[in-house]
C-alpha atoms as a PDB file:
ATOM      1  CA  MET A   1      38.325 193.080  85.492  1.00  0.00           C
ATOM      2  CA  ARG A   2      39.420 189.560  86.335  1.00  0.00           C
ATOM      3  CA  SER A   3      42.153 187.903  84.320  1.00  0.00           C
ATOM      4  CA  ALA A   4      40.970 184.886  82.323  1.00  0.00           C
ATOM      5  CA  SER A   5      43.971 182.857  83.466  1.00  0.00           C
ATOM      6  CA  ARG A   6      43.281 183.367  87.159  1.00  0.00           C
ATOM      7  CA  PRO A   7      40.579 181.347  88.914  1.00  0.00           C
ATOM      8  CA  PRO A   8      37.997 183.225  90.954  1.00  0.00           C
ATOM      9  CA  PRO A   9      38.760 183.534  94.670  1.00  0.00           C
ATOM     10  CA  SER A  10      37.286 180.778  96.759  1.00  0.00           C
ATOM     11  CA  ASN A  11      35.974 180.917 100.295  1.00  0.00           C
ATOM     12  CA  SER A  12      36.257 177.140 100.451  1.00  0.00           C
ATOM     13  CA  ARG A  13      39.196 175.138 101.740  1.00  0.00           C
ATOM     14  CA  ALA A  14      38.518 172.639  98.953  1.00  0.00           C
ATOM     15  CA  ASP A  15      41.238 171.579  96.577  1.00  0.00           C
ATOM     16  CA  ALA A  16      42.316 168.258  95.085  1.00  0.00           C
ATOM     17  CA  SER A  17      43.914 167.142  98.342  1.00  0.00           C
ATOM     18  CA  THR A  18      40.735 167.699 100.364  1.00  0.00           C
ATOM     19  CA  ALA A  19      38.273 166.246  97.829  1.00  0.00           C
ATOM     20  CA  PRO A  20      38.122 162.787  99.466  1.00  0.00           C
ATOM     21  CA  LEU A  21      37.474 164.300 102.895  1.00  0.00           C
ATOM     22  CA  LEU A  22      34.765 166.582 101.531  1.00  0.00           C
ATOM     23  CA  ALA A  23      33.115 163.647  99.735  1.00  0.00           C
ATOM     24  CA  ALA A  24      33.187 161.670 102.998  1.00  0.00           C
ATOM     25  CA  MET A  25      31.689 164.590 104.945  1.00  0.00           C
ATOM     26  CA  ASP A  26      28.941 164.954 102.336  1.00  0.00           C
ATOM     27  CA  LEU A  27      28.045 161.280 102.679  1.00  0.00           C
ATOM     28  CA  LEU A  28      28.454 160.975 106.444  1.00  0.00           C
ATOM     29  CA  GLY A  29      26.732 164.282 107.150  1.00  0.00           C
ATOM     30  CA  GLN A  30      23.419 162.963 105.851  1.00  0.00           C
ATOM     31  CA  ARG A  31      20.919 162.165 108.548  1.00  0.00           C
ATOM     32  CA  TRP A  32      20.796 158.480 109.572  1.00  0.00           C
ATOM     33  CA  ILE A  33      23.948 157.439 107.672  1.00  0.00           C
ATOM     34  CA  LEU A  34      26.177 156.968 110.715  1.00  0.00           C
ATOM     35  CA  ARG A  35      23.367 155.321 112.654  1.00  0.00           C
ATOM     36  CA  VAL A  36      22.875 152.765 109.858  1.00  0.00           C
ATOM     37  CA  VAL A  37      26.582 151.920 109.859  1.00  0.00           C
ATOM     38  CA  TRP A  38      26.587 151.745 113.660  1.00  0.00           C
ATOM     39  CA  GLU A  39      23.661 149.307 113.692  1.00  0.00           C
ATOM     40  CA  LEU A  40      25.139 147.101 110.963  1.00  0.00           C
ATOM     41  CA  GLU A  41      28.737 147.088 112.181  1.00  0.00           C
ATOM     42  CA  PRO A  42      28.237 144.103 114.568  1.00  0.00           C
ATOM     43  CA  GLY A  43      26.705 141.974 111.792  1.00  0.00           C
ATOM     44  CA  PRO A  44      24.223 141.802 108.929  1.00  0.00           C
ATOM     45  CA  LEU A  45      20.565 142.669 109.390  1.00  0.00           C
ATOM     46  CA  GLY A  46      17.512 142.469 107.194  1.00  0.00           C
ATOM     47  CA  PHE A  47      15.626 145.623 106.286  1.00  0.00           C
ATOM     48  CA  LEU A  48      12.763 145.062 108.750  1.00  0.00           C
ATOM     49  CA  GLU A  49      15.042 144.419 111.731  1.00  0.00           C
ATOM     50  CA  LEU A  50      17.203 147.397 110.832  1.00  0.00           C
ATOM     51  CA  ARG A  51      14.084 149.565 110.433  1.00  0.00           C
ATOM     52  CA  ARG A  52      12.894 148.477 113.897  1.00  0.00           C
ATOM     53  CA  ARG A  53      16.251 149.441 115.417  1.00  0.00           C
ATOM     54  CA  MET A  54      16.296 152.827 113.679  1.00  0.00           C
ATOM     55  CA  GLY A  55      13.348 154.208 115.650  1.00  0.00           C
ATOM     56  CA  ASN A  56      11.690 157.097 113.860  1.00  0.00           C
ATOM     57  CA  CYS A  57      13.569 156.751 110.554  1.00  0.00           C
ATOM     58  CA  SER A  58      10.946 156.160 107.864  1.00  0.00           C
ATOM     59  CA  SER A  59      11.135 153.125 105.600  1.00  0.00           C
ATOM     60  CA  SER A  60      11.621 155.302 102.522  1.00  0.00           C
ATOM     61  CA  MET A  61      14.428 157.283 104.180  1.00  0.00           C
ATOM     62  CA  LEU A  62      16.123 154.088 105.355  1.00  0.00           C
ATOM     63  CA  SER A  63      15.862 152.626 101.867  1.00  0.00           C
ATOM     64  CA  THR A  64      17.425 155.767 100.379  1.00  0.00           C
ATOM     65  CA  ARG A  65      20.266 155.751 102.902  1.00  0.00           C
ATOM     66  CA  LEU A  66      20.953 152.046 102.385  1.00  0.00           C
ATOM     67  CA  GLN A  67      21.090 152.533  98.625  1.00  0.00           C
ATOM     68  CA  GLY A  68      23.559 155.409  99.029  1.00  0.00           C
ATOM     69  CA  LEU A  69      25.788 153.385 101.324  1.00  0.00           C
ATOM     70  CA  VAL A  70      25.762 150.441  98.913  1.00  0.00           C
ATOM     71  CA  GLU A  71      26.672 152.787  96.042  1.00  0.00           C
ATOM     72  CA  ALA A  72      29.486 154.251  98.159  1.00  0.00           C
ATOM     73  CA  GLY A  73      30.878 150.780  98.880  1.00  0.00           C
ATOM     74  CA  VAL A  74      30.236 150.988 102.622  1.00  0.00           C
ATOM     75  CA  LEU A  75      27.554 148.266 102.601  1.00  0.00           C
ATOM     76  CA  ILE A  76      26.623 145.305 100.473  1.00  0.00           C
ATOM     77  CA  LYS A  77      23.174 143.836  99.975  1.00  0.00           C
ATOM     78  CA  ARG A  78      23.445 140.091 100.392  1.00  0.00           C
ATOM     79  CA  ALA A  79      21.558 137.407  98.456  1.00  0.00           C
ATOM     80  CA  ASP A  80      19.244 136.927 101.454  1.00  0.00           C
ATOM     81  CA  LYS A  81      18.339 140.662 101.193  1.00  0.00           C
ATOM     82  CA  SER A  82      20.161 141.566 104.403  1.00  0.00           C
ATOM     83  CA  TYR A  83      22.720 144.351 104.568  1.00  0.00           C
ATOM     84  CA  GLU A  84      26.292 143.984 105.736  1.00  0.00           C
ATOM     85  CA  VAL A  85      29.211 146.372 106.145  1.00  0.00           C
ATOM     86  CA  THR A  86      32.154 146.011 103.774  1.00  0.00           C
ATOM     87  CA  THR A  87      35.772 146.508 104.734  1.00  0.00           C
ATOM     88  CA  ALA A  88      35.183 150.237 104.263  1.00  0.00           C
ATOM     89  CA  GLY A  89      32.178 150.018 106.583  1.00  0.00           C
ATOM     90  CA  ARG A  90      34.164 148.143 109.239  1.00  0.00           C
ATOM     91  CA  GLU A  91      36.898 150.782 109.049  1.00  0.00           C
ATOM     92  CA  LEU A  92      34.256 153.478 109.447  1.00  0.00           C
ATOM     93  CA  GLY A  93      32.968 151.646 112.526  1.00  0.00           C
ATOM     94  CA  VAL A  94      36.481 151.706 113.976  1.00  0.00           C
ATOM     95  CA  ALA A  95      36.750 155.416 113.131  1.00  0.00           C
ATOM     96  CA  LEU A  96      33.518 156.038 115.083  1.00  0.00           C
ATOM     97  CA  GLU A  97      34.965 154.604 118.315  1.00  0.00           C
ATOM     98  CA  PRO A  98      36.668 157.914 119.280  1.00  0.00           C
ATOM     99  CA  VAL A  99      33.389 159.725 118.556  1.00  0.00           C
ATOM    100  CA  TRP A 100      31.631 157.317 120.938  1.00  0.00           C
ATOM    101  CA  GLN A 101      34.254 158.022 123.601  1.00  0.00           C
ATOM    102  CA  TRP A 102      33.892 161.768 123.014  1.00  0.00           C
ATOM    103  CA  ALA A 103      30.096 161.504 123.291  1.00  0.00           C
ATOM    104  CA  GLU A 104      30.349 159.582 126.563  1.00  0.00           C
ATOM    105  CA  ARG A 105      32.736 162.183 127.965  1.00  0.00           C
ATOM    106  CA  TRP A 106      30.546 165.122 126.956  1.00  0.00           C
ATOM    107  CA  ALA A 107      27.123 163.471 127.318  1.00  0.00           C
ATOM    108  CA  GLY A 108      25.723 166.121 129.663  1.00  0.00           C
ATOM    109  CA  SER A 109      26.618 168.992 127.346  1.00  0.00           C
ATOM    110  CA  LEU A 110      25.314 167.120 124.312  1.00  0.00           C
ATOM    111  CA  GLU A 111      21.990 166.346 125.996  1.00  0.00           C
ATOM    112  CA  ARG A 112      21.543 169.986 127.053  1.00  0.00           C
ATOM    113  CA  ALA A 113      22.282 171.168 123.516  1.00  0.00           C
ATOM    114  CA  ALA A 114      19.838 168.636 122.012  1.00  0.00           C
ATOM    115  CA  ASN A 115      17.108 169.647 124.484  1.00  0.00           C
ATOM    116  CA  ALA A 116      17.692 173.332 123.819  1.00  0.00           C
ATOM    117  CA  GLU A 117      17.340 172.754 120.067  1.00  0.00           C
ATOM    118  CA  GLN A 118      14.090 170.820 120.591  1.00  0.00           C
ATOM    119  CA  ASP A 119      12.715 173.627 122.762  1.00  0.00           C
ATOM    120  CA  SER A 120      13.363 176.313 120.140  1.00  0.00           C
END
């Protein structure tokens, strides 16, 4: 029998010190989120232009992702209905630079893995 004063064992590495990182991974792990930030990092874009740049991301999915990023403080929706990164969004863009460098270095492996997943 488990003692009432002892918490149940956890398989997670989560604790108060990792909560911000886990929240960030939950947000950034959603499909299209990083792509939206990447496209908006150079400057504001309206929904239609952003949608055109996003390729096969549906309008409803893009709208959902934009709303989530605005709620998270990564983007703002301007009076002219365009979207722009905030300071947090610009810092995220800077944080993505090493990922870009990593992707360039390992492009061949990444392409093979993506093709293998599509084939299965």
